[in-house]
């Protein structure tokens, strides 16, 4: 089926009109959402949660490492490897939590 020039022009104008309407609605919706209390409150909530995570993750990790070292000191030689691996996992988890928190803080700072 061949399209005539007039039909092609009508299709192009319909596509252009839909594109303009979509762009207008998207821009209006984004402006309404970005300025709303829900959006600004969510950004502040995420920023506060990640800042608390920067304090809580190392604190809990230090307490766990102390506990694991005490348990390692009371255990026999067979269990030393298990406690060492738990200490390493705790350190890696702490580093991961801090890095994730910093990345989230950086991303959220762009929305302020």
C-alpha atoms as a PDB file:
ATOM      1  CA  UNK A   1       0.000   0.000   0.000  1.00  0.00           C
ATOM      2  CA  UNK A   2       1.502   3.309  -1.090  1.00  0.00           C
ATOM      3  CA  UNK A   3       0.943   6.412   0.945  1.00  0.00           C
ATOM      4  CA  UNK A   4       0.050   9.576  -0.847  1.00  0.00           C
ATOM      5  CA  UNK A   5       1.815  12.842  -0.046  1.00  0.00           C
ATOM      6  CA  UNK A   6      -1.245  14.293   1.665  1.00  0.00           C
ATOM      7  CA  UNK A   7      -1.572  11.225   3.902  1.00  0.00           C
ATOM      8  CA  UNK A   8       2.150  11.389   4.744  1.00  0.00           C
ATOM      9  CA  UNK A   9       1.802  15.064   5.656  1.00  0.00           C
ATOM     10  CA  UNK A  10      -1.205  14.335   7.887  1.00  0.00           C
ATOM     11  CA  UNK A  11       0.705  11.559   9.688  1.00  0.00           C
ATOM     12  CA  UNK A  12       3.694  13.860  10.182  1.00  0.00           C
ATOM     13  CA  UNK A  13       1.510  16.624  11.585  1.00  0.00           C
ATOM     14  CA  UNK A  14      -0.219  14.189  13.963  1.00  0.00           C
ATOM     15  CA  UNK A  15       3.154  12.881  15.185  1.00  0.00           C
ATOM     16  CA  UNK A  16       4.433  16.451  15.672  1.00  0.00           C
ATOM     17  CA  UNK A  17       1.294  17.427  17.591  1.00  0.00           C
ATOM     18  CA  UNK A  18       1.554  14.377  19.863  1.00  0.00           C
ATOM     19  CA  UNK A  19       5.241  15.142  20.499  1.00  0.00           C
ATOM     20  CA  UNK A  20       4.479  18.750  21.452  1.00  0.00           C
ATOM     21  CA  UNK A  21       1.617  17.730  23.749  1.00  0.00           C
ATOM     22  CA  UNK A  22       3.751  15.040  25.409  1.00  0.00           C
ATOM     23  CA  UNK A  23       6.648  17.440  25.966  1.00  0.00           C
ATOM     24  CA  UNK A  24       4.317  20.063  27.438  1.00  0.00           C
ATOM     25  CA  UNK A  25       2.631  17.610  29.798  1.00  0.00           C
ATOM     26  CA  UNK A  26       5.951  16.099  30.885  1.00  0.00           C
ATOM     27  CA  UNK A  27       7.462  19.510  31.627  1.00  0.00           C
ATOM     28  CA  UNK A  28       4.385  20.619  33.553  1.00  0.00           C
ATOM     29  CA  UNK A  29       4.223  17.380  35.532  1.00  0.00           C
ATOM     30  CA  UNK A  30       7.923  17.535  36.392  1.00  0.00           C
ATOM     31  CA  UNK A  31       7.629  21.143  37.554  1.00  0.00           C
ATOM     32  CA  UNK A  32       4.668  20.234  39.764  1.00  0.00           C
ATOM     33  CA  UNK A  33       6.403  17.203  41.256  1.00  0.00           C
ATOM     34  CA  UNK A  34       9.794  18.848  41.798  1.00  0.00           C
ATOM     35  CA  UNK A  35       8.308  21.711  43.801  1.00  0.00           C
ATOM     36  CA  UNK A  36       5.917  19.610  45.863  1.00  0.00           C
ATOM     37  CA  UNK A  37       6.330  18.955  49.562  1.00  0.00           C
ATOM     38  CA  UNK A  38       6.474  15.213  48.926  1.00  0.00           C
ATOM     39  CA  UNK A  39       9.479  15.516  46.623  1.00  0.00           C
ATOM     40  CA  UNK A  40      11.393  17.960  48.814  1.00  0.00           C
ATOM     41  CA  UNK A  41      10.514  15.976  51.917  1.00  0.00           C
ATOM     42  CA  UNK A  42      11.696  12.738  50.315  1.00  0.00           C
ATOM     43  CA  UNK A  43      14.986  14.341  49.309  1.00  0.00           C
ATOM     44  CA  UNK A  44      15.499  15.599  52.870  1.00  0.00           C
ATOM     45  CA  UNK A  45      14.552  12.200  54.311  1.00  0.00           C
ATOM     46  CA  UNK A  46      17.041  10.375  52.107  1.00  0.00           C
ATOM     47  CA  UNK A  47      19.764  12.917  52.927  1.00  0.00           C
ATOM     48  CA  UNK A  48      19.123  12.554  56.674  1.00  0.00           C
ATOM     49  CA  UNK A  49      19.014   8.754  56.505  1.00  0.00           C
ATOM     50  CA  UNK A  50      22.286   8.536  54.627  1.00  0.00           C
ATOM     51  CA  UNK A  51      23.981  10.959  56.994  1.00  0.00           C
ATOM     52  CA  UNK A  52      22.875   8.808  59.917  1.00  0.00           C
ATOM     53  CA  UNK A  53      24.155   5.740  58.083  1.00  0.00           C
ATOM     54  CA  UNK A  54      27.590   7.381  57.934  1.00  0.00           C
ATOM     55  CA  UNK A  55      27.584   7.433  61.752  1.00  0.00           C
ATOM     56  CA  UNK A  56      25.804   4.164  62.535  1.00  0.00           C
ATOM     57  CA  UNK A  57      27.632   1.806  60.125  1.00  0.00           C
ATOM     58  CA  UNK A  58      31.167   2.394  61.482  1.00  0.00           C
ATOM     59  CA  UNK A  59      29.930   2.427  65.094  1.00  0.00           C
ATOM     60  CA  UNK A  60      28.147  -0.905  64.778  1.00  0.00           C
ATOM     61  CA  UNK A  61      31.086  -2.349  62.849  1.00  0.00           C
ATOM     62  CA  UNK A  62      33.542  -1.392  65.595  1.00  0.00           C
ATOM     63  CA  UNK A  63      31.299  -2.964  68.237  1.00  0.00           C
ATOM     64  CA  UNK A  64      30.964  -6.152  66.182  1.00  0.00           C
ATOM     65  CA  UNK A  65      34.719  -6.360  65.593  1.00  0.00           C
ATOM     66  CA  UNK A  66      35.366  -5.986  69.329  1.00  0.00           C
ATOM     67  CA  UNK A  67      32.826  -8.735  70.033  1.00  0.00           C
ATOM     68  CA  UNK A  68      34.372 -10.995  67.376  1.00  0.00           C
ATOM     69  CA  UNK A  69      37.874 -10.414  68.746  1.00  0.00           C
ATOM     70  CA  UNK A  70      36.705 -11.341  72.237  1.00  0.00           C
ATOM     71  CA  UNK A  71      35.026 -14.484  70.909  1.00  0.00           C
ATOM     72  CA  UNK A  72      38.137 -15.292  68.855  1.00  0.00           C
ATOM     73  CA  UNK A  73      40.275 -14.980  71.993  1.00  0.00           C
ATOM     74  CA  UNK A  74      38.006 -17.418  73.849  1.00  0.00           C
ATOM     75  CA  UNK A  75      37.761 -19.952  71.014  1.00  0.00           C
ATOM     76  CA  UNK A  76      40.031 -22.825  70.099  1.00  0.00           C
ATOM     77  CA  UNK A  77      42.310 -22.897  67.061  1.00  0.00           C
ATOM     78  CA  UNK A  78      39.683 -24.525  64.836  1.00  0.00           C
ATOM     79  CA  UNK A  79      37.318 -21.577  65.229  1.00  0.00           C
ATOM     80  CA  UNK A  80      39.926 -18.826  64.686  1.00  0.00           C
ATOM     81  CA  UNK A  81      39.434 -18.953  60.924  1.00  0.00           C
ATOM     82  CA  UNK A  82      35.667 -18.525  61.310  1.00  0.00           C
ATOM     83  CA  UNK A  83      36.081 -15.458  63.528  1.00  0.00           C
ATOM     84  CA  UNK A  84      38.716 -13.990  61.215  1.00  0.00           C
ATOM     85  CA  UNK A  85      36.353 -14.331  58.262  1.00  0.00           C
ATOM     86  CA  UNK A  86      33.559 -12.654  60.244  1.00  0.00           C
ATOM     87  CA  UNK A  87      35.872  -9.748  61.048  1.00  0.00           C
ATOM     88  CA  UNK A  88      36.788  -9.356  57.372  1.00  0.00           C
ATOM     89  CA  UNK A  89      33.124  -9.496  56.322  1.00  0.00           C
ATOM     90  CA  UNK A  90      32.286  -6.834  58.914  1.00  0.00           C
ATOM     91  CA  UNK A  91      35.037  -4.515  57.650  1.00  0.00           C
ATOM     92  CA  UNK A  92      34.019  -4.972  54.008  1.00  0.00           C
ATOM     93  CA  UNK A  93      30.354  -4.430  54.876  1.00  0.00           C
ATOM     94  CA  UNK A  94      31.203  -1.242  56.745  1.00  0.00           C
ATOM     95  CA  UNK A  95      33.180   0.081  53.788  1.00  0.00           C
ATOM     96  CA  UNK A  96      30.326  -0.838  51.436  1.00  0.00           C
ATOM     97  CA  UNK A  97      27.728   0.901  53.617  1.00  0.00           C
ATOM     98  CA  UNK A  98      29.821   4.068  53.895  1.00  0.00           C
ATOM     99  CA  UNK A  99      30.532   4.177  50.148  1.00  0.00           C
ATOM    100  CA  UNK A 100      26.852   3.582  49.310  1.00  0.00           C
ATOM    101  CA  UNK A 101      25.815   6.304  51.742  1.00  0.00           C
ATOM    102  CA  UNK A 102      28.260   8.788  50.241  1.00  0.00           C
ATOM    103  CA  UNK A 103      27.099   7.983  46.706  1.00  0.00           C
ATOM    104  CA  UNK A 104      23.466   8.434  47.676  1.00  0.00           C
ATOM    105  CA  UNK A 105      24.314  11.745  49.383  1.00  0.00           C
ATOM    106  CA  UNK A 106      26.051  12.937  46.224  1.00  0.00           C
ATOM    107  CA  UNK A 107      23.101  11.948  44.035  1.00  0.00           C
ATOM    108  CA  UNK A 108      20.570  13.553  46.364  1.00  0.00           C
ATOM    109  CA  UNK A 109      22.600  16.774  46.514  1.00  0.00           C
ATOM    110  CA  UNK A 110      21.829  17.336  42.823  1.00  0.00           C
ATOM    111  CA  UNK A 111      18.094  17.546  43.611  1.00  0.00           C
ATOM    112  CA  UNK A 112      18.454  20.335  46.161  1.00  0.00           C
END
